[in-house]
Amino acid sequence: QWAALAALTGPQEPVYEMQRGYERRRDIAVKLLSEVDGIRFAKAKGSFYMMIDVSKLLNKLKMDTERFVMMLIEKYGVAFLHGTALGSYGEGYIRMSFSVSEDHIIDGLEKFKRAANEILSS
């Protein structure tokens, strides 16, 4: 209880700094995802992850979300969580986290963009 009190009444700058970091990484992800054809997403407003609608890519591949995520790992070296890990309503979606470094986000989304372009052009 004392720790909770200290966290709530103590200096808040570290919290704000962490929040700014998440916002910066989220904005990088939004910018890069907006350059990817064949997907839809909503800008996260209060979490460190984002759900990405990849149903157009899945339809092109005739593949489910779980197999799609495995293909992204094996062929492109980029990992997402398949939406069905969160329940059946997650089919057609992948989840990305922006709790990783900016470099990891940029690298991963560049790989994802390449994958999407190759899928759509095949």
PDB file of N, CA and C in Angstrom:
ATOM      1  N   GLN A   1       0.812  -1.194   0.000  1.00  0.00           N
ATOM      2  CA  GLN A   1       0.000   0.000   0.000  1.00  0.00           C
ATOM      3  C   GLN A   1       0.856   1.260   0.000  1.00  0.00           C
ATOM      4  N   TRP A   2       1.971   1.196   0.719  1.00  0.00           N
ATOM      5  CA  TRP A   2       2.867   2.355   0.734  1.00  0.00           C
ATOM      6  C   TRP A   2       3.461   2.582  -0.650  1.00  0.00           C
ATOM      7  N   ALA A   3       3.767   1.503  -1.341  1.00  0.00           N
ATOM      8  CA  ALA A   3       4.327   1.632  -2.692  1.00  0.00           C
ATOM      9  C   ALA A   3       3.309   2.265  -3.634  1.00  0.00           C
ATOM     10  N   ALA A   4       2.055   1.866  -3.507  1.00  0.00           N
ATOM     11  CA  ALA A   4       1.004   2.443  -4.347  1.00  0.00           C
ATOM     12  C   ALA A   4       0.841   3.928  -4.049  1.00  0.00           C
ATOM     13  N   LEU A   5       0.865   4.281  -2.789  1.00  0.00           N
ATOM     14  CA  LEU A   5       0.754   5.688  -2.395  1.00  0.00           C
ATOM     15  C   LEU A   5       1.916   6.501  -2.962  1.00  0.00           C
ATOM     16  N   ALA A   6       3.120   5.962  -2.865  1.00  0.00           N
ATOM     17  CA  ALA A   6       4.292   6.662  -3.402  1.00  0.00           C
ATOM     18  C   ALA A   6       4.181   6.823  -4.914  1.00  0.00           C
ATOM     19  N   ALA A   7       3.693   5.790  -5.597  1.00  0.00           N
ATOM     20  CA  ALA A   7       3.557   5.866  -7.055  1.00  0.00           C
ATOM     21  C   ALA A   7       2.538   6.925  -7.460  1.00  0.00           C
ATOM     22  N   LEU A   8       1.483   7.057  -6.685  1.00  0.00           N
ATOM     23  CA  LEU A   8       0.426   8.007  -7.023  1.00  0.00           C
ATOM     24  C   LEU A   8       0.740   9.437  -6.608  1.00  0.00           C
ATOM     25  N   THR A   9       1.517   9.601  -5.563  1.00  0.00           N
ATOM     26  CA  THR A   9       1.769  10.953  -5.052  1.00  0.00           C
ATOM     27  C   THR A   9       3.179  11.449  -5.331  1.00  0.00           C
ATOM     28  N   GLY A  10       4.045  10.565  -5.808  1.00  0.00           N
ATOM     29  CA  GLY A  10       5.435  10.936  -6.069  1.00  0.00           C
ATOM     30  C   GLY A  10       5.594  11.644  -7.403  1.00  0.00           C
ATOM     31  N   PRO A  11       6.823  11.861  -7.814  1.00  0.00           N
ATOM     32  CA  PRO A  11       7.102  12.525  -9.089  1.00  0.00           C
ATOM     33  C   PRO A  11       6.471  11.759 -10.261  1.00  0.00           C
ATOM     34  N   GLN A  12       5.826  12.483 -11.136  1.00  0.00           N
ATOM     35  CA  GLN A  12       5.130  11.858 -12.263  1.00  0.00           C
ATOM     36  C   GLN A  12       5.899  11.969 -13.577  1.00  0.00           C
ATOM     37  N   GLU A  13       7.005  12.689 -13.588  1.00  0.00           N
ATOM     38  CA  GLU A  13       7.762  12.864 -14.832  1.00  0.00           C
ATOM     39  C   GLU A  13       8.171  11.533 -15.465  1.00  0.00           C
ATOM     40  N   PRO A  14       8.620  10.529 -14.696  1.00  0.00           N
ATOM     41  CA  PRO A  14       8.955   9.245 -15.335  1.00  0.00           C
ATOM     42  C   PRO A  14       7.754   8.608 -16.050  1.00  0.00           C
ATOM     43  N   VAL A  15       6.582   8.784 -15.492  1.00  0.00           N
ATOM     44  CA  VAL A  15       5.364   8.258 -16.122  1.00  0.00           C
ATOM     45  C   VAL A  15       5.102   9.002 -17.427  1.00  0.00           C
ATOM     46  N   TYR A  16       5.222  10.321 -17.391  1.00  0.00           N
ATOM     47  CA  TYR A  16       4.986  11.121 -18.589  1.00  0.00           C
ATOM     48  C   TYR A  16       6.024  10.817 -19.667  1.00  0.00           C
ATOM     49  N   GLU A  17       7.258  10.603 -19.243  1.00  0.00           N
ATOM     50  CA  GLU A  17       8.320  10.265 -20.193  1.00  0.00           C
ATOM     51  C   GLU A  17       8.021   8.930 -20.878  1.00  0.00           C
ATOM     52  N   MET A  18       7.575   7.955 -20.106  1.00  0.00           N
ATOM     53  CA  MET A  18       7.220   6.657 -20.669  1.00  0.00           C
ATOM     54  C   MET A  18       6.037   6.804 -21.632  1.00  0.00           C
ATOM     55  N   GLN A  19       5.063   7.612 -21.258  1.00  0.00           N
ATOM     56  CA  GLN A  19       3.897   7.844 -22.103  1.00  0.00           C
ATOM     57  C   GLN A  19       4.315   8.482 -23.430  1.00  0.00           C
ATOM     58  N   ARG A  20       5.201   9.463 -23.374  1.00  0.00           N
ATOM     59  CA  ARG A  20       5.674  10.111 -24.607  1.00  0.00           C
ATOM     60  C   ARG A  20       6.402   9.111 -25.501  1.00  0.00           C
ATOM     61  N   GLY A  21       7.158   8.202 -24.900  1.00  0.00           N
ATOM     62  CA  GLY A  21       7.847   7.168 -25.674  1.00  0.00           C
ATOM     63  C   GLY A  21       6.866   6.264 -26.402  1.00  0.00           C
ATOM     64  N   TYR A  22       5.815   5.835 -25.701  1.00  0.00           N
ATOM     65  CA  TYR A  22       4.790   5.002 -26.341  1.00  0.00           C
ATOM     66  C   TYR A  22       4.098   5.763 -27.468  1.00  0.00           C
ATOM     67  N   GLU A  23       3.779   7.022 -27.230  1.00  0.00           N
ATOM     68  CA  GLU A  23       3.128   7.830 -28.267  1.00  0.00           C
ATOM     69  C   GLU A  23       4.027   7.988 -29.486  1.00  0.00           C
ATOM     70  N   ARG A  24       5.302   8.214 -29.262  1.00  0.00           N
ATOM     71  CA  ARG A  24       6.248   8.375 -30.370  1.00  0.00           C
ATOM     72  C   ARG A  24       6.326   7.081 -31.189  1.00  0.00           C
ATOM     73  N   ARG A  25       6.436   5.947 -30.504  1.00  0.00           N
ATOM     74  CA  ARG A  25       6.514   4.665 -31.213  1.00  0.00           C
ATOM     75  C   ARG A  25       5.196   4.344 -31.908  1.00  0.00           C
ATOM     76  N   ARG A  26       4.079   4.688 -31.276  1.00  0.00           N
ATOM     77  CA  ARG A  26       2.780   4.496 -31.919  1.00  0.00           C
ATOM     78  C   ARG A  26       2.687   5.317 -33.193  1.00  0.00           C
ATOM     79  N   ASP A  27       3.125   6.561 -33.132  1.00  0.00           N
ATOM     80  CA  ASP A  27       3.044   7.430 -34.304  1.00  0.00           C
ATOM     81  C   ASP A  27       3.931   6.923 -35.439  1.00  0.00           C
ATOM     82  N   ILE A  28       5.078   6.369 -35.112  1.00  0.00           N
ATOM     83  CA  ILE A  28       5.933   5.751 -36.132  1.00  0.00           C
ATOM     84  C   ILE A  28       5.197   4.585 -36.769  1.00  0.00           C
ATOM     85  N   ALA A  29       4.572   3.748 -35.937  1.00  0.00           N
ATOM     86  CA  ALA A  29       3.834   2.593 -36.455  1.00  0.00           C
ATOM     87  C   ALA A  29       2.684   3.039 -37.351  1.00  0.00           C
ATOM     88  N   VAL A  30       1.941   4.052 -36.937  1.00  0.00           N
ATOM     89  CA  VAL A  30       0.816   4.552 -37.736  1.00  0.00           C
ATOM     90  C   VAL A  30       1.308   5.065 -39.081  1.00  0.00           C
ATOM     91  N   LYS A  31       2.397   5.825 -39.076  1.00  0.00           N
ATOM     92  CA  LYS A  31       2.945   6.355 -40.332  1.00  0.00           C
ATOM     93  C   LYS A  31       3.338   5.217 -41.265  1.00  0.00           C
ATOM     94  N   LEU A  32       4.049   4.233 -40.746  1.00  0.00           N
ATOM     95  CA  LEU A  32       4.502   3.129 -41.594  1.00  0.00           C
ATOM     96  C   LEU A  32       3.343   2.248 -42.045  1.00  0.00           C
ATOM     97  N   LEU A  33       2.395   1.982 -41.166  1.00  0.00           N
ATOM     98  CA  LEU A  33       1.251   1.154 -41.551  1.00  0.00           C
ATOM     99  C   LEU A  33       0.390   1.842 -42.598  1.00  0.00           C
ATOM    100  N   SER A  34       0.337   3.172 -42.563  1.00  0.00           N
ATOM    101  CA  SER A  34      -0.469   3.895 -43.555  1.00  0.00           C
ATOM    102  C   SER A  34       0.114   3.762 -44.960  1.00  0.00           C
ATOM    103  N   GLU A  35       1.360   3.308 -45.056  1.00  0.00           N
ATOM    104  CA  GLU A  35       2.007   3.098 -46.353  1.00  0.00           C
ATOM    105  C   GLU A  35       1.815   1.678 -46.878  1.00  0.00           C
ATOM    106  N   VAL A  36       1.139   0.819 -46.107  1.00  0.00           N
ATOM    107  CA  VAL A  36       0.965  -0.584 -46.487  1.00  0.00           C
ATOM    108  C   VAL A  36      -0.396  -0.760 -47.145  1.00  0.00           C
ATOM    109  N   ASP A  37      -0.397  -1.226 -48.387  1.00  0.00           N
ATOM    110  CA  ASP A  37      -1.651  -1.495 -49.088  1.00  0.00           C
ATOM    111  C   ASP A  37      -2.270  -2.790 -48.573  1.00  0.00           C
ATOM    112  N   GLY A  38      -3.591  -2.872 -48.654  1.00  0.00           N
ATOM    113  CA  GLY A  38      -4.288  -4.111 -48.348  1.00  0.00           C
ATOM    114  C   GLY A  38      -4.600  -4.345 -46.887  1.00  0.00           C
ATOM    115  N   ILE A  39      -4.401  -3.332 -46.038  1.00  0.00           N
ATOM    116  CA  ILE A  39      -4.704  -3.487 -44.612  1.00  0.00           C
ATOM    117  C   ILE A  39      -5.535  -2.306 -44.131  1.00  0.00           C
ATOM    118  N   ARG A  40      -6.133  -2.489 -42.961  1.00  0.00           N
ATOM    119  CA  ARG A  40      -6.827  -1.399 -42.272  1.00  0.00           C
ATOM    120  C   ARG A  40      -6.466  -1.484 -40.799  1.00  0.00           C
ATOM    121  N   PHE A  41      -6.483  -0.358 -40.128  1.00  0.00           N
ATOM    122  CA  PHE A  41      -6.186  -0.323 -38.695  1.00  0.00           C
ATOM    123  C   PHE A  41      -6.742   0.961 -38.109  1.00  0.00           C
ATOM    124  N   ALA A  42      -6.900   0.967 -36.812  1.00  0.00           N
ATOM    125  CA  ALA A  42      -7.298   2.176 -36.093  1.00  0.00           C
ATOM    126  C   ALA A  42      -6.138   2.583 -35.194  1.00  0.00           C
ATOM    127  N   LYS A  43      -5.869   3.861 -35.144  1.00  0.00           N
ATOM    128  CA  LYS A  43      -4.791   4.382 -34.300  1.00  0.00           C
ATOM    129  C   LYS A  43      -5.116   4.110 -32.833  1.00  0.00           C
ATOM    130  N   ALA A  44      -4.207   3.448 -32.155  1.00  0.00           N
ATOM    131  CA  ALA A  44      -4.391   3.145 -30.730  1.00  0.00           C
ATOM    132  C   ALA A  44      -4.405   4.440 -29.928  1.00  0.00           C
ATOM    133  N   LYS A  45      -5.300   4.509 -28.967  1.00  0.00           N
ATOM    134  CA  LYS A  45      -5.402   5.723 -28.160  1.00  0.00           C
ATOM    135  C   LYS A  45      -5.008   5.515 -26.707  1.00  0.00           C
ATOM    136  N   GLY A  46      -4.975   4.267 -26.243  1.00  0.00           N
ATOM    137  CA  GLY A  46      -4.670   4.068 -24.837  1.00  0.00           C
ATOM    138  C   GLY A  46      -3.976   2.755 -24.524  1.00  0.00           C
ATOM    139  N   SER A  47      -3.392   2.148 -25.513  1.00  0.00           N
ATOM    140  CA  SER A  47      -2.705   0.877 -25.279  1.00  0.00           C
ATOM    141  C   SER A  47      -1.382   0.863 -26.036  1.00  0.00           C
ATOM    142  N   PHE A  48      -0.594  -0.158 -25.803  1.00  0.00           N
ATOM    143  CA  PHE A  48       0.709  -0.265 -26.462  1.00  0.00           C
ATOM    144  C   PHE A  48       0.685  -1.292 -27.583  1.00  0.00           C
ATOM    145  N   TYR A  49      -0.485  -1.582 -28.082  1.00  0.00           N
ATOM    146  CA  TYR A  49      -0.598  -2.489 -29.220  1.00  0.00           C
ATOM    147  C   TYR A  49      -1.696  -1.995 -30.151  1.00  0.00           C
ATOM    148  N   MET A  50      -1.701  -2.545 -31.356  1.00  0.00           N
ATOM    149  CA  MET A  50      -2.668  -2.152 -32.358  1.00  0.00           C
ATOM    150  C   MET A  50      -3.125  -3.395 -33.109  1.00  0.00           C
ATOM    151  N   MET A  51      -4.415  -3.466 -33.395  1.00  0.00           N
ATOM    152  CA  MET A  51      -4.964  -4.550 -34.197  1.00  0.00           C
ATOM    153  C   MET A  51      -4.984  -4.100 -35.656  1.00  0.00           C
ATOM    154  N   ILE A  52      -4.512  -4.981 -36.528  1.00  0.00           N
ATOM    155  CA  ILE A  52      -4.411  -4.675 -37.953  1.00  0.00           C
ATOM    156  C   ILE A  52      -5.287  -5.662 -38.713  1.00  0.00           C
ATOM    157  N   ASP A  53      -6.207  -5.144 -39.512  1.00  0.00           N
ATOM    158  CA  ASP A  53      -7.087  -5.983 -40.327  1.00  0.00           C
ATOM    159  C   ASP A  53      -6.325  -6.406 -41.580  1.00  0.00           C
ATOM    160  N   VAL A  54      -6.026  -7.693 -41.664  1.00  0.00           N
ATOM    161  CA  VAL A  54      -5.279  -8.238 -42.803  1.00  0.00           C
ATOM    162  C   VAL A  54      -6.155  -9.168 -43.635  1.00  0.00           C
ATOM    163  N   SER A  55      -7.476  -9.046 -43.502  1.00  0.00           N
ATOM    164  CA  SER A  55      -8.382  -9.978 -44.175  1.00  0.00           C
ATOM    165  C   SER A  55      -8.224  -9.953 -45.693  1.00  0.00           C
ATOM    166  N   LYS A  56      -7.913  -8.804 -46.265  1.00  0.00           N
ATOM    167  CA  LYS A  56      -7.705  -8.731 -47.716  1.00  0.00           C
ATOM    168  C   LYS A  56      -6.498  -9.580 -48.126  1.00  0.00           C
ATOM    169  N   LEU A  57      -5.436  -9.526 -47.344  1.00  0.00           N
ATOM    170  CA  LEU A  57      -4.249 -10.331 -47.634  1.00  0.00           C
ATOM    171  C   LEU A  57      -4.551 -11.813 -47.442  1.00  0.00           C
ATOM    172  N   LEU A  58      -5.304 -12.133 -46.396  1.00  0.00           N
ATOM    173  CA  LEU A  58      -5.665 -13.529 -46.132  1.00  0.00           C
ATOM    174  C   LEU A  58      -6.518 -14.100 -47.254  1.00  0.00           C
ATOM    175  N   ASN A  59      -7.460 -13.304 -47.740  1.00  0.00           N
ATOM    176  CA  ASN A  59      -8.310 -13.764 -48.845  1.00  0.00           C
ATOM    177  C   ASN A  59      -7.482 -14.045 -50.087  1.00  0.00           C
ATOM    178  N   LYS A  60      -6.523 -13.196 -50.351  1.00  0.00           N
ATOM    179  CA  LYS A  60      -5.649 -13.383 -51.516  1.00  0.00           C
ATOM    180  C   LYS A  60      -4.852 -14.679 -51.380  1.00  0.00           C
ATOM    181  N   LEU A  61      -4.400 -14.974 -50.168  1.00  0.00           N
ATOM    182  CA  LEU A  61      -3.589 -16.164 -49.919  1.00  0.00           C
ATOM    183  C   LEU A  61      -4.423 -17.413 -49.640  1.00  0.00           C
ATOM    184  N   LYS A  62      -5.722 -17.210 -49.376  1.00  0.00           N
ATOM    185  CA  LYS A  62      -6.588 -18.317 -48.949  1.00  0.00           C
ATOM    186  C   LYS A  62      -5.983 -19.012 -47.719  1.00  0.00           C
ATOM    187  N   MET A  63      -5.742 -18.203 -46.709  1.00  0.00           N
ATOM    188  CA  MET A  63      -5.016 -18.647 -45.526  1.00  0.00           C
ATOM    189  C   MET A  63      -5.692 -18.069 -44.285  1.00  0.00           C
ATOM    190  N   ASP A  64      -5.641 -18.780 -43.161  1.00  0.00           N
ATOM    191  CA  ASP A  64      -6.174 -18.223 -41.922  1.00  0.00           C
ATOM    192  C   ASP A  64      -5.098 -17.385 -41.223  1.00  0.00           C
ATOM    193  N   THR A  65      -5.514 -16.668 -40.206  1.00  0.00           N
ATOM    194  CA  THR A  65      -4.622 -15.714 -39.540  1.00  0.00           C
ATOM    195  C   THR A  65      -3.425 -16.389 -38.886  1.00  0.00           C
ATOM    196  N   GLU A  66      -3.653 -17.534 -38.262  1.00  0.00           N
ATOM    197  CA  GLU A  66      -2.557 -18.218 -37.583  1.00  0.00           C
ATOM    198  C   GLU A  66      -1.492 -18.668 -38.584  1.00  0.00           C
ATOM    199  N   ARG A  67      -1.907 -19.242 -39.701  1.00  0.00           N
ATOM    200  CA  ARG A  67      -0.943 -19.647 -40.732  1.00  0.00           C
ATOM    201  C   ARG A  67      -0.240 -18.430 -41.325  1.00  0.00           C
ATOM    202  N   PHE A  68      -0.965 -17.325 -41.483  1.00  0.00           N
ATOM    203  CA  PHE A  68      -0.388 -16.093 -42.020  1.00  0.00           C
ATOM    204  C   PHE A  68       0.744 -15.588 -41.126  1.00  0.00           C
ATOM    205  N   VAL A  69       0.508 -15.583 -39.821  1.00  0.00           N
ATOM    206  CA  VAL A  69       1.534 -15.127 -38.881  1.00  0.00           C
ATOM    207  C   VAL A  69       2.765 -16.031 -38.953  1.00  0.00           C
ATOM    208  N   MET A  70       2.558 -17.334 -39.046  1.00  0.00           N
ATOM    209  CA  MET A  70       3.690 -18.260 -39.160  1.00  0.00           C
ATOM    210  C   MET A  70       4.463 -18.012 -40.457  1.00  0.00           C
ATOM    211  N   MET A  71       3.752 -17.736 -41.544  1.00  0.00           N
ATOM    212  CA  MET A  71       4.400 -17.435 -42.823  1.00  0.00           C
ATOM    213  C   MET A  71       5.230 -16.154 -42.718  1.00  0.00           C
ATOM    214  N   LEU A  72       4.702 -15.146 -42.031  1.00  0.00           N
ATOM    215  CA  LEU A  72       5.454 -13.895 -41.861  1.00  0.00           C
ATOM    216  C   LEU A  72       6.749 -14.140 -41.089  1.00  0.00           C
ATOM    217  N   ILE A  73       6.683 -14.988 -40.080  1.00  0.00           N
ATOM    218  CA  ILE A  73       7.881 -15.310 -39.297  1.00  0.00           C
ATOM    219  C   ILE A  73       8.889 -16.059 -40.156  1.00  0.00           C
ATOM    220  N   GLU A  74       8.421 -17.117 -40.814  1.00  0.00           N
ATOM    221  CA  GLU A  74       9.327 -17.996 -41.558  1.00  0.00           C
ATOM    222  C   GLU A  74       9.905 -17.340 -42.804  1.00  0.00           C
ATOM    223  N   LYS A  75       9.072 -16.622 -43.545  1.00  0.00           N
ATOM    224  CA  LYS A  75       9.519 -16.076 -44.834  1.00  0.00           C
ATOM    225  C   LYS A  75      10.112 -14.667 -44.729  1.00  0.00           C
ATOM    226  N   TYR A  76       9.591 -13.863 -43.801  1.00  0.00           N
ATOM    227  CA  TYR A  76      10.002 -12.453 -43.745  1.00  0.00           C
ATOM    228  C   TYR A  76      10.722 -12.073 -42.451  1.00  0.00           C
ATOM    229  N   GLY A  77      10.718 -12.963 -41.475  1.00  0.00           N
ATOM    230  CA  GLY A  77      11.422 -12.683 -40.227  1.00  0.00           C
ATOM    231  C   GLY A  77      10.781 -11.612 -39.373  1.00  0.00           C
ATOM    232  N   VAL A  78       9.455 -11.514 -39.435  1.00  0.00           N
ATOM    233  CA  VAL A  78       8.745 -10.528 -38.624  1.00  0.00           C
ATOM    234  C   VAL A  78       7.594 -11.232 -37.903  1.00  0.00           C
ATOM    235  N   ALA A  79       7.408 -10.900 -36.628  1.00  0.00           N
ATOM    236  CA  ALA A  79       6.417 -11.600 -35.810  1.00  0.00           C
ATOM    237  C   ALA A  79       5.304 -10.669 -35.343  1.00  0.00           C
ATOM    238  N   PHE A  80       4.099 -11.182 -35.435  1.00  0.00           N
ATOM    239  CA  PHE A  80       2.898 -10.547 -34.898  1.00  0.00           C
ATOM    240  C   PHE A  80       2.150 -11.612 -34.110  1.00  0.00           C
ATOM    241  N   LEU A  81       1.209 -11.205 -33.291  1.00  0.00           N
ATOM    242  CA  LEU A  81       0.321 -12.149 -32.631  1.00  0.00           C
ATOM    243  C   LEU A  81      -0.903 -12.311 -33.510  1.00  0.00           C
ATOM    244  N   HIS A  82      -1.292 -13.551 -33.794  1.00  0.00           N
ATOM    245  CA  HIS A  82      -2.514 -13.739 -34.581  1.00  0.00           C
ATOM    246  C   HIS A  82      -3.708 -13.387 -33.705  1.00  0.00           C
ATOM    247  N   GLY A  83      -4.658 -12.700 -34.302  1.00  0.00           N
ATOM    248  CA  GLY A  83      -5.808 -12.212 -33.548  1.00  0.00           C
ATOM    249  C   GLY A  83      -6.609 -13.303 -32.881  1.00  0.00           C
ATOM    250  N   THR A  84      -6.605 -14.514 -33.443  1.00  0.00           N
ATOM    251  CA  THR A  84      -7.372 -15.606 -32.856  1.00  0.00           C
ATOM    252  C   THR A  84      -6.778 -16.070 -31.532  1.00  0.00           C
ATOM    253  N   ALA A  85      -5.565 -15.665 -31.217  1.00  0.00           N
ATOM    254  CA  ALA A  85      -5.010 -15.964 -29.893  1.00  0.00           C
ATOM    255  C   ALA A  85      -5.819 -15.255 -28.811  1.00  0.00           C
ATOM    256  N   LEU A  86      -6.558 -14.235 -29.213  1.00  0.00           N
ATOM    257  CA  LEU A  86      -7.370 -13.451 -28.282  1.00  0.00           C
ATOM    258  C   LEU A  86      -8.841 -13.835 -28.335  1.00  0.00           C
ATOM    259  N   GLY A  87      -9.186 -14.793 -29.201  1.00  0.00           N
ATOM    260  CA  GLY A  87     -10.570 -15.239 -29.344  1.00  0.00           C
ATOM    261  C   GLY A  87     -10.960 -15.344 -30.803  1.00  0.00           C
ATOM    262  N   SER A  88     -12.072 -16.007 -31.060  1.00  0.00           N
ATOM    263  CA  SER A  88     -12.479 -16.279 -32.443  1.00  0.00           C
ATOM    264  C   SER A  88     -12.785 -15.007 -33.232  1.00  0.00           C
ATOM    265  N   TYR A  89     -13.169 -13.931 -32.558  1.00  0.00           N
ATOM    266  CA  TYR A  89     -13.441 -12.675 -33.269  1.00  0.00           C
ATOM    267  C   TYR A  89     -12.170 -12.033 -33.818  1.00  0.00           C
ATOM    268  N   GLY A  90     -11.024 -12.566 -33.440  1.00  0.00           N
ATOM    269  CA  GLY A  90      -9.756 -12.034 -33.927  1.00  0.00           C
ATOM    270  C   GLY A  90      -9.339 -12.557 -35.286  1.00  0.00           C
ATOM    271  N   GLU A  91     -10.132 -13.466 -35.865  1.00  0.00           N
ATOM    272  CA  GLU A  91      -9.791 -13.966 -37.202  1.00  0.00           C
ATOM    273  C   GLU A  91      -9.781 -12.788 -38.178  1.00  0.00           C
ATOM    274  N   GLY A  92      -8.745 -12.734 -38.995  1.00  0.00           N
ATOM    275  CA  GLY A  92      -8.601 -11.643 -39.954  1.00  0.00           C
ATOM    276  C   GLY A  92      -7.760 -10.487 -39.434  1.00  0.00           C
ATOM    277  N   TYR A  93      -7.316 -10.583 -38.179  1.00  0.00           N
ATOM    278  CA  TYR A  93      -6.534  -9.512 -37.565  1.00  0.00           C
ATOM    279  C   TYR A  93      -5.213 -10.049 -37.022  1.00  0.00           C
ATOM    280  N   ILE A  94      -4.216  -9.191 -37.031  1.00  0.00           N
ATOM    281  CA  ILE A  94      -2.970  -9.464 -36.330  1.00  0.00           C
ATOM    282  C   ILE A  94      -2.754  -8.324 -35.339  1.00  0.00           C
ATOM    283  N   ARG A  95      -2.003  -8.614 -34.294  1.00  0.00           N
ATOM    284  CA  ARG A  95      -1.746  -7.585 -33.283  1.00  0.00           C
ATOM    285  C   ARG A  95      -0.260  -7.285 -33.241  1.00  0.00           C
ATOM    286  N   MET A  96       0.056  -6.012 -33.284  1.00  0.00           N
ATOM    287  CA  MET A  96       1.448  -5.587 -33.140  1.00  0.00           C
ATOM    288  C   MET A  96       1.594  -4.786 -31.859  1.00  0.00           C
ATOM    289  N   SER A  97       2.744  -4.914 -31.259  1.00  0.00           N
ATOM    290  CA  SER A  97       3.050  -4.176 -30.040  1.00  0.00           C
ATOM    291  C   SER A  97       4.044  -3.076 -30.369  1.00  0.00           C
ATOM    292  N   PHE A  98       3.865  -1.928 -29.749  1.00  0.00           N
ATOM    293  CA  PHE A  98       4.891  -0.899 -29.872  1.00  0.00           C
ATOM    294  C   PHE A  98       5.541  -0.639 -28.524  1.00  0.00           C
ATOM    295  N   SER A  99       5.723  -1.743 -27.781  1.00  0.00           N
ATOM    296  CA  SER A  99       6.493  -1.670 -26.538  1.00  0.00           C
ATOM    297  C   SER A  99       7.961  -1.993 -26.794  1.00  0.00           C
ATOM    298  N   VAL A 100       8.304  -2.196 -28.061  1.00  0.00           N
ATOM    299  CA  VAL A 100       9.692  -2.478 -28.450  1.00  0.00           C
ATOM    300  C   VAL A 100      10.345  -1.187 -28.945  1.00  0.00           C
ATOM    301  N   SER A 101      11.599  -1.261 -29.309  1.00  0.00           N
ATOM    302  CA  SER A 101      12.329  -0.058 -29.736  1.00  0.00           C
ATOM    303  C   SER A 101      11.812   0.470 -31.073  1.00  0.00           C
ATOM    304  N   GLU A 102      12.084   1.744 -31.316  1.00  0.00           N
ATOM    305  CA  GLU A 102      11.721   2.352 -32.595  1.00  0.00           C
ATOM    306  C   GLU A 102      12.364   1.594 -33.753  1.00  0.00           C
ATOM    307  N   ASP A 103      13.619   1.200 -33.593  1.00  0.00           N
ATOM    308  CA  ASP A 103      14.310   0.460 -34.653  1.00  0.00           C
ATOM    309  C   ASP A 103      13.616  -0.857 -34.959  1.00  0.00           C
ATOM    310  N   HIS A 104      13.157  -1.563 -33.923  1.00  0.00           N
ATOM    311  CA  HIS A 104      12.445  -2.822 -34.144  1.00  0.00           C
ATOM    312  C   HIS A 104      11.122  -2.580 -34.872  1.00  0.00           C
ATOM    313  N   ILE A 105      10.425  -1.524 -34.510  1.00  0.00           N
ATOM    314  CA  ILE A 105       9.159  -1.203 -35.170  1.00  0.00           C
ATOM    315  C   ILE A 105       9.401  -0.896 -36.638  1.00  0.00           C
ATOM    316  N   ILE A 106      10.376  -0.052 -36.921  1.00  0.00           N
ATOM    317  CA  ILE A 106      10.674   0.321 -38.310  1.00  0.00           C
ATOM    318  C   ILE A 106      11.082  -0.904 -39.114  1.00  0.00           C
ATOM    319  N   ASP A 107      11.998  -1.694 -38.588  1.00  0.00           N
ATOM    320  CA  ASP A 107      12.463  -2.889 -39.288  1.00  0.00           C
ATOM    321  C   ASP A 107      11.313  -3.866 -39.526  1.00  0.00           C
ATOM    322  N   GLY A 108      10.533  -4.136 -38.495  1.00  0.00           N
ATOM    323  CA  GLY A 108       9.432  -5.087 -38.625  1.00  0.00           C
ATOM    324  C   GLY A 108       8.369  -4.633 -39.598  1.00  0.00           C
ATOM    325  N   LEU A 109       8.019  -3.354 -39.567  1.00  0.00           N
ATOM    326  CA  LEU A 109       6.969  -2.880 -40.465  1.00  0.00           C
ATOM    327  C   LEU A 109       7.465  -2.726 -41.897  1.00  0.00           C
ATOM    328  N   GLU A 110       8.744  -2.490 -42.097  1.00  0.00           N
ATOM    329  CA  GLU A 110       9.288  -2.514 -43.462  1.00  0.00           C
ATOM    330  C   GLU A 110       9.192  -3.931 -44.031  1.00  0.00           C
ATOM    331  N   LYS A 111       9.488  -4.929 -43.216  1.00  0.00           N
ATOM    332  CA  LYS A 111       9.354  -6.327 -43.651  1.00  0.00           C
ATOM    333  C   LYS A 111       7.895  -6.659 -43.937  1.00  0.00           C
ATOM    334  N   PHE A 112       7.003  -6.191 -43.075  1.00  0.00           N
ATOM    335  CA  PHE A 112       5.576  -6.438 -43.272  1.00  0.00           C
ATOM    336  C   PHE A 112       5.084  -5.777 -44.554  1.00  0.00           C
ATOM    337  N   LYS A 113       5.546  -4.560 -44.812  1.00  0.00           N
ATOM    338  CA  LYS A 113       5.159  -3.854 -46.036  1.00  0.00           C
ATOM    339  C   LYS A 113       5.623  -4.634 -47.265  1.00  0.00           C
ATOM    340  N   ARG A 114       6.848  -5.141 -47.226  1.00  0.00           N
ATOM    341  CA  ARG A 114       7.357  -5.942 -48.338  1.00  0.00           C
ATOM    342  C   ARG A 114       6.490  -7.192 -48.536  1.00  0.00           C
ATOM    343  N   ALA A 115       6.128  -7.838 -47.445  1.00  0.00           N
ATOM    344  CA  ALA A 115       5.276  -9.028 -47.524  1.00  0.00           C
ATOM    345  C   ALA A 115       3.933  -8.684 -48.157  1.00  0.00           C
ATOM    346  N   ALA A 116       3.300  -7.617 -47.691  1.00  0.00           N
ATOM    347  CA  ALA A 116       1.990  -7.221 -48.222  1.00  0.00           C
ATOM    348  C   ALA A 116       2.080  -6.897 -49.706  1.00  0.00           C
ATOM    349  N   ASN A 117       3.115  -6.173 -50.107  1.00  0.00           N
ATOM    350  CA  ASN A 117       3.287  -5.839 -51.525  1.00  0.00           C
ATOM    351  C   ASN A 117       3.459  -7.090 -52.375  1.00  0.00           C
ATOM    352  N   GLU A 118       4.249  -8.040 -51.889  1.00  0.00           N
ATOM    353  CA  GLU A 118       4.450  -9.282 -52.639  1.00  0.00           C
ATOM    354  C   GLU A 118       3.158 -10.085 -52.734  1.00  0.00           C
ATOM    355  N   ILE A 119       2.391 -10.115 -51.664  1.00  0.00           N
ATOM    356  CA  ILE A 119       1.123 -10.854 -51.670  1.00  0.00           C
ATOM    357  C   ILE A 119       0.154 -10.230 -52.659  1.00  0.00           C
ATOM    358  N   LEU A 120       0.023  -8.916 -52.615  1.00  0.00           N
ATOM    359  CA  LEU A 120      -0.940  -8.236 -53.483  1.00  0.00           C
ATOM    360  C   LEU A 120      -0.540  -8.278 -54.950  1.00  0.00           C
ATOM    361  N   SER A 121       0.747  -8.369 -55.226  1.00  0.00           N
ATOM    362  CA  SER A 121       1.191  -8.376 -56.626  1.00  0.00           C
ATOM    363  C   SER A 121       1.253  -9.784 -57.212  1.00  0.00           C
ATOM    364  N   SER A 122       1.016 -10.806 -56.396  1.00  0.00           N
ATOM    365  CA  SER A 122       1.099 -12.179 -56.920  1.00  0.00           C
ATOM    366  C   SER A 122      -0.193 -12.621 -57.577  1.00  0.00           C
TER     367      SER A 122
END
